[in-house]
Protein backbone atom coordinates (compact mmCIF):
# COMPACT_ATOMS: atom_id res chain seq x y z
CA MET A 1 113.64 120.10 217.97
CA GLU A 2 114.63 123.67 218.66
CA GLU A 3 117.77 125.01 217.06
CA ILE A 4 120.81 125.84 219.13
CA ASP A 5 123.13 128.77 218.60
CA GLU A 6 126.88 129.21 218.79
CA THR A 7 126.74 130.00 222.53
CA ASP A 8 124.89 126.73 223.17
CA LEU A 9 127.55 124.92 221.14
CA GLN A 10 130.28 126.60 223.21
CA ILE A 11 128.56 125.44 226.39
CA LEU A 12 128.33 121.87 225.06
CA ARG A 13 131.99 121.84 223.92
CA THR A 14 133.14 123.16 227.29
CA LEU A 15 131.07 120.63 229.25
CA GLN A 16 132.44 117.77 227.11
CA LYS A 17 135.92 118.74 228.27
CA ASN A 18 134.96 119.17 231.93
CA ALA A 19 131.43 118.56 233.19
CA LYS A 20 132.49 119.36 236.76
CA LEU A 21 132.68 123.10 236.08
CA THR A 22 130.51 125.23 238.31
CA THR A 23 127.98 127.50 236.62
CA LYS A 24 130.26 130.44 237.38
CA GLU A 25 133.29 128.71 235.78
CA LEU A 26 131.22 127.68 232.77
CA ALA A 27 129.93 131.25 232.40
CA GLU A 28 133.49 132.59 232.43
CA ALA A 29 134.54 130.05 229.81
CA VAL A 30 131.77 131.11 227.40
CA HIS A 31 131.90 134.83 228.31
CA LEU A 32 128.44 135.18 229.82
CA THR A 33 127.04 135.74 233.28
CA PRO A 34 126.01 132.72 235.38
CA THR A 35 122.21 133.15 235.16
CA PRO A 36 121.86 132.86 231.35
CA VAL A 37 124.42 130.03 231.28
CA PHE A 38 122.46 128.15 233.97
CA GLU A 39 119.22 128.65 232.02
CA ARG A 40 120.83 127.53 228.74
CA GLN A 41 122.37 124.46 230.36
CA LYS A 42 119.04 123.43 231.89
CA ARG A 43 117.30 123.96 228.51
CA LEU A 44 119.96 121.83 226.76
CA GLU A 45 119.32 119.10 229.35
CA ARG A 46 115.52 119.30 228.94
CA GLN A 47 115.79 119.19 225.14
CA GLY A 48 118.01 116.11 225.29
CA TYR A 49 121.24 117.62 223.95
CA ILE A 50 122.87 116.70 227.27
CA LYS A 51 121.95 113.11 228.11
CA ASN A 52 123.92 112.60 231.30
CA TYR A 53 126.94 113.57 233.37
CA VAL A 54 129.38 110.78 234.22
CA ALA A 55 132.78 110.18 235.76
CA VAL A 56 135.22 108.56 233.32
CA LEU A 57 137.01 105.89 235.31
CA ASN A 58 140.52 104.56 234.77
CA PRO A 59 140.11 100.85 233.86
CA ASP A 60 143.76 100.05 234.61
CA LYS A 61 143.46 101.38 238.18
CA LEU A 62 140.36 99.22 238.63
CA GLY A 63 142.03 96.08 237.31
CA LEU A 64 140.07 96.02 234.05
CA GLY A 65 142.93 96.57 231.63
CA LEU A 66 141.86 94.12 228.93
CA LEU A 67 139.69 95.81 226.28
CA VAL A 68 138.06 93.63 223.65
CA PHE A 69 135.74 94.41 220.76
CA CYS A 70 133.55 91.38 220.26
CA LYS A 71 131.58 90.96 217.03
CA VAL A 72 128.47 88.83 217.45
CA LYS A 73 126.53 87.05 214.71
CA LEU A 74 123.15 85.53 215.51
CA GLN A 75 121.82 82.41 213.75
CA GLN A 76 118.73 84.32 212.71
CA ILE A 77 117.34 87.69 213.59
CA ASN A 78 113.88 89.10 214.10
CA HIS A 79 112.38 91.53 216.62
CA GLU A 80 111.86 88.89 219.30
CA ILE A 81 115.39 87.44 219.01
CA ALA A 82 117.00 90.90 218.83
CA ASP A 83 115.04 92.13 221.87
CA ALA A 84 115.98 89.03 223.86
CA PHE A 85 119.65 89.45 222.93
CA VAL A 86 119.67 93.13 223.94
CA ARG A 87 117.91 92.41 227.26
CA ARG A 88 120.54 89.76 228.04
CA ILE A 89 123.47 92.00 227.07
CA MET A 90 122.12 94.85 229.22
CA ARG A 91 122.52 92.60 232.29
CA ILE A 92 126.17 91.69 231.61
CA PRO A 93 128.48 94.14 233.42
CA GLU A 94 131.57 93.29 231.34
CA VAL A 95 129.80 94.72 228.27
CA THR A 96 130.27 98.47 228.53
CA GLU A 97 128.83 99.32 225.10
CA CYS A 98 126.73 97.48 222.53
CA TYR A 99 125.93 98.49 218.96
CA ASN A 100 123.57 96.90 216.44
CA THR A 101 125.54 96.90 213.17
CA SER A 102 125.16 96.08 209.52
CA GLY A 103 127.52 93.83 207.61
CA SER A 104 128.90 90.42 208.53
CA TYR A 105 127.97 90.72 212.20
CA ASP A 106 124.80 91.79 213.96
CA TYR A 107 126.28 93.39 217.10
CA LEU A 108 129.54 94.95 218.22
CA LEU A 109 130.27 94.69 221.94
CA LYS A 110 132.87 96.65 223.86
CA VAL A 111 134.00 94.40 226.69
CA ARG A 112 136.24 95.08 229.70
CA ALA A 113 137.92 92.28 231.66
CA ARG A 114 140.76 91.82 234.14
CA ASP A 115 142.67 89.46 231.90
CA MET A 116 142.38 86.80 229.21
CA LYS A 117 141.11 84.21 231.70
CA GLN A 118 138.19 86.41 232.76
CA TYR A 119 137.41 87.17 229.10
CA GLN A 120 137.40 83.44 228.32
CA GLU A 121 134.95 82.86 231.19
CA PHE A 122 132.79 85.70 229.85
CA VAL A 123 132.70 84.10 226.39
CA LEU A 124 131.97 80.61 227.68
CA ASN A 125 129.62 81.36 230.57
CA LYS A 126 127.80 84.48 229.46
CA LEU A 127 127.91 84.87 225.67
CA GLY A 128 127.97 81.12 225.14
CA GLU A 129 124.63 80.71 226.93
CA ILE A 130 122.77 83.16 224.71
CA GLU A 131 120.24 81.51 222.40
CA HIS A 132 120.61 81.92 218.65
CA LEU A 133 124.31 82.80 218.90
CA ALA A 134 126.01 81.72 215.67
CA SER A 135 129.53 83.09 216.06
CA ILE A 136 131.71 85.66 217.72
CA GLU A 137 134.98 87.27 216.69
CA SER A 138 137.17 88.98 219.26
CA THR A 139 139.57 91.83 218.56
CA PHE A 140 141.96 92.56 221.41
CA VAL A 141 143.05 96.17 221.88
CA MET A 142 146.81 96.60 222.23
CA SER A 143 146.64 100.32 223.12
CA GLU A 144 144.01 103.01 223.26
CA VAL A 145 145.01 105.85 220.97
CA LYS A 146 141.95 108.10 221.33
CA GLN A 147 138.97 107.59 223.58
CA GLY A 148 136.14 109.53 225.13
CA GLY A 149 136.83 112.64 223.12
CA GLY A 150 133.20 113.65 222.91
CA LEU A 151 131.29 114.61 219.80
CA TYR A 152 132.67 116.90 217.14
CA ILE A 153 130.32 119.89 217.21
């Protein structure tokens, strides 16, 4: 992987704050002209430093105010079981993020739901039907203190 310089880091930091900036606005923010900023941004995309551009939606406005972290333990784990679990999770829209973890649980799921009733249905009708599921533990978020802050670079 090619190394990046301080200007590249400035571009990345600026885009993390606002990816909607035009090339001209981004160039002004990092004190360059638009052409080299455009070329650097495209290179950072090609090299995989920038994975995607997304809109961060307001879950409360969309009626998805319940945020739950769900720890999942499987009865046993091997490549086949893990792959099957991941394929299943990828098809469940309530799961917005999924991490394979070490420790007492195998996976940590970030789940969005309208309310407790919808979360209960998710647990019973979606998670509950997954083979090799041993246990789950749900942690309900009371308030979001810091989110989507980007990477510290």
